[in-house]
Structure formats: structure tokens, C-alpha cells
Protein backbone atom coordinates (compact mmCIF):
# COMPACT_ATOMS: atom_id res chain seq x y z
CA MET A 1 -48.92 -82.27 2.07
CA SER A 2 -48.91 -84.37 -1.05
CA GLU A 3 -47.67 -87.93 -0.82
CA VAL A 4 -46.42 -87.77 -4.41
CA TRP A 5 -42.67 -87.17 -4.30
CA ARG A 6 -40.57 -86.43 -7.42
CA LYS A 7 -36.79 -86.70 -7.60
CA SER A 8 -34.82 -83.83 -9.03
CA SER A 9 -33.62 -84.45 -12.58
CA TYR A 10 -30.29 -82.84 -11.56
CA SER A 11 -29.61 -85.24 -8.70
CA ALA A 12 -27.07 -88.05 -8.87
CA ASP A 13 -28.01 -91.69 -8.31
CA ARG A 14 -28.28 -91.67 -4.52
CA GLU A 15 -27.84 -87.98 -3.73
CA CYS A 16 -31.32 -86.80 -4.55
CA VAL A 17 -33.67 -84.11 -3.48
CA GLU A 18 -37.36 -84.90 -3.74
CA VAL A 19 -40.20 -82.42 -4.04
CA ALA A 20 -43.88 -82.92 -3.23
CA PRO A 21 -46.02 -80.25 -4.89
CA GLY A 22 -49.21 -78.96 -3.30
CA PRO A 23 -50.47 -75.93 -1.38
CA GLN A 24 -47.35 -76.42 0.77
CA VAL A 25 -44.35 -77.65 -1.24
CA GLY A 26 -42.32 -80.28 0.59
CA VAL A 27 -38.60 -80.92 0.04
CA ARG A 28 -36.77 -83.93 1.47
CA ASP A 29 -33.62 -86.04 1.10
CA SER A 30 -34.47 -89.17 -0.90
CA LYS A 31 -31.70 -91.23 0.77
CA LEU A 32 -33.81 -91.26 3.94
CA GLY A 33 -37.17 -91.68 2.19
CA ALA A 34 -40.16 -91.45 4.53
CA ASP A 35 -37.78 -91.01 7.49
CA SER A 36 -36.35 -87.80 6.03
CA PRO A 37 -37.16 -84.48 7.68
CA VAL A 38 -39.30 -82.38 5.35
CA LEU A 39 -38.81 -78.69 4.65
CA SER A 40 -42.11 -77.03 3.82
CA PHE A 41 -42.54 -73.88 1.73
CA GLY A 42 -45.57 -71.88 0.68
CA ARG A 43 -46.20 -71.89 -3.07
CA SER A 44 -45.12 -68.28 -3.58
CA ALA A 45 -41.86 -68.82 -1.64
CA TRP A 46 -41.16 -71.98 -3.66
CA ARG A 47 -41.90 -70.17 -6.95
CA ALA A 48 -39.51 -67.36 -5.95
CA PHE A 49 -36.78 -69.89 -5.05
CA VAL A 50 -37.11 -71.81 -8.33
CA SER A 51 -37.15 -68.57 -10.33
CA ALA A 52 -33.99 -67.39 -8.56
CA ILE A 53 -32.04 -70.56 -9.28
CA ARG A 54 -33.19 -70.48 -12.91
CA GLY A 55 -32.02 -66.88 -13.19
CA ILE A 56 -35.39 -65.36 -14.07
CA CYS A 57 -37.82 -63.20 -12.17
CA GLU A 58 -40.86 -64.78 -10.54
CA ASN A 59 -43.21 -62.92 -12.87
CA CYS A 60 -41.40 -64.21 -15.97
CA ALA A 61 -41.75 -67.75 -14.62
CA GLU A 62 -45.50 -67.18 -14.45
CA GLY A 63 -45.61 -65.49 -17.88
CA ALA A 64 -46.90 -62.27 -16.32
CA CYS A 65 -43.89 -59.96 -16.28
CA SER A 66 -44.98 -56.39 -16.95
CA GLY A 67 -41.31 -55.50 -17.46
CA CYS A 68 -41.15 -57.88 -20.43
CA SER A 69 -43.99 -56.15 -22.22
CA GLY A 70 -42.75 -52.73 -21.13
CA GLY A 71 -39.13 -53.44 -21.99
CA SER A 72 -37.77 -52.93 -18.47
CA CYS A 73 -37.24 -56.57 -17.42
CA GLN A 74 -33.62 -57.70 -17.63
CA CYS A 75 -33.94 -61.39 -16.76
CA PRO A 76 -30.99 -63.17 -18.41
CA ARG A 77 -33.08 -66.18 -19.42
CA CYS A 78 -35.90 -64.14 -20.93
CA HIS A 79 -33.72 -61.50 -22.59
CA ARG A 80 -30.69 -63.17 -24.12
């Protein structure tokens, strides 16, 4: 797993979530730093999670939604 951790831009001063991108995406609590337990996700699971919280489909997040070009995708972020 990557040793490069990024804090979430939505986190408060001390209440932060950090993410380490890589083949396995790590998520940890920044208050505990290196002592924090790490949750590990595969890239496709992480992509699906991020897409869900953004309110768009995973394919739209990747720019490859066949529904967008075919008119059947109803993602609220892509089709306002």
C-alpha cells in the first residue's frame, strides 16, 4: 500500500479521514496517524463508493457511460 496519505478536503481540523491511493486504496483515521487501523479496498470497490457518494454512476465517473451517449443514464450530477 502507498505510504502517501491525503486528508479529505471535507474533514474538519482534527476529525479527518486520510486516503492512500494505489492498487489497494487505504483509508484511515488521521487522529491516530500511523497507529490507525487501515481499511483496504480494491480500486473498483473504491471507485464505486466514491461514485455513490458523489451521486453519479461508476461509468460516468470514468467518462465511459454508455447510458450517457444512449440517453438512458439518469445520474443527477451528469444530467441536471
